[in-house]
Protein backbone atom coordinates (compact mmCIF):
# COMPACT_ATOMS: atom_id res chain seq x y z
CA GLY A 1 93.23 68.83 258.89
CA MET A 2 95.58 71.36 260.57
CA HIS A 3 98.91 69.70 260.72
CA SER A 4 100.83 71.97 262.41
CA TRP A 5 101.24 76.22 263.45
CA SER A 6 103.45 78.88 264.64
CA ALA A 7 103.41 82.10 266.30
CA ALA A 8 105.48 84.83 265.53
CA THR A 9 105.50 88.36 265.64
CA VAL A 10 103.73 90.81 262.49
CA HIS A 11 107.26 91.79 262.56
CA SER A 12 109.21 88.80 261.42
CA GLN A 13 105.75 87.85 259.30
CA GLN A 14 106.56 90.04 256.88
CA GLY A 15 106.69 88.23 253.01
CA THR A 16 105.18 85.63 254.41
CA GLU A 17 101.14 84.24 253.92
CA ALA A 18 99.21 81.45 255.87
CA ASP A 19 95.52 80.46 254.94
CA TYR A 20 93.99 81.30 258.50
CA VAL A 21 96.27 84.06 260.96
CA ILE A 22 95.11 85.08 264.25
CA PHE A 23 95.34 88.56 264.95
CA ASP A 24 96.25 89.33 268.32
CA THR A 25 96.15 94.00 268.63
CA VAL A 26 97.71 93.00 272.50
CA ASN A 27 99.42 96.88 273.22
CA ALA A 28 97.56 97.88 270.83
CA GLY A 29 96.99 100.82 273.34
CA SER A 30 100.28 101.53 274.11
CA TYR A 31 102.37 105.07 272.35
CA GLY A 32 105.27 102.82 272.15
CA TRP A 33 105.36 102.78 268.24
CA GLN A 34 103.22 106.55 265.91
CA TYR A 35 100.54 106.12 264.24
CA ASP A 36 102.18 105.70 261.46
CA GLU A 37 103.98 103.00 262.28
CA TRP A 38 100.92 100.84 264.44
CA LYS A 39 98.90 101.10 260.62
CA ARG A 40 101.94 99.72 259.17
CA LEU A 41 101.74 96.90 262.04
CA VAL A 42 97.89 96.51 261.59
CA ASN A 43 98.41 96.31 257.66
CA VAL A 44 101.13 94.19 257.75
CA GLY A 45 99.33 91.46 260.41
CA LEU A 46 95.88 91.37 258.61
CA SER A 47 97.00 91.17 254.89
CA ARG A 48 99.06 87.72 255.75
CA ALA A 49 95.32 85.82 255.43
CA ARG A 50 95.08 83.61 252.70
CA GLU A 51 91.46 82.76 253.92
CA PHE A 52 90.52 83.97 257.27
CA VAL A 53 91.49 86.54 260.09
CA LEU A 54 90.59 86.33 263.58
CA VAL A 55 90.90 90.06 265.30
CA LEU A 56 91.72 89.83 268.71
CA ALA A 57 91.27 92.87 270.45
CA SER A 58 89.03 94.56 273.28
CA ARG A 59 86.80 97.58 273.56
CA ALA A 60 89.37 100.18 273.48
CA GLU A 61 91.94 99.10 271.07
CA MET A 62 89.32 98.91 268.39
CA ARG A 63 88.57 101.92 269.68
CA GLU A 64 92.80 103.26 268.78
CA PRO A 65 92.74 105.25 265.55
CA TYR A 66 94.74 103.01 263.25
CA ILE A 67 92.49 100.00 264.37
CA ARG A 68 88.89 101.90 264.37
CA ALA A 69 88.65 102.01 260.65
CA LEU A 70 87.86 97.92 261.05
CA ASN A 71 85.23 98.26 262.64
CA SER A 72 82.28 98.32 259.78
CA LYS A 73 84.71 95.17 258.14
CA LEU A 74 84.76 92.69 261.07
CA SER A 75 81.93 91.00 262.24
CA PRO A 76 82.67 91.84 266.40
CA ARG A 77 81.83 88.09 268.89
CA ILE A 78 82.78 88.58 272.73
CA LEU A 79 84.18 86.04 274.13
CA LYS A 80 82.59 85.16 277.65
């Protein structure tokens, strides 16, 4: 029943919501932003979803300190 979708960066999604959100943690291992900024970006990305959020992340990205706390809250699945 989905008739449209859009893609955007986390920065442009502040203040918006969607029923379903796919949050790609691409580049989460980089140190381009400070810890507090990474934590804020993850919060913004995940809090946009009203119904469902899918997190796409590598094992290495899930070990990063600003994402690691999610491990206990997510149901991991591996795509092959």
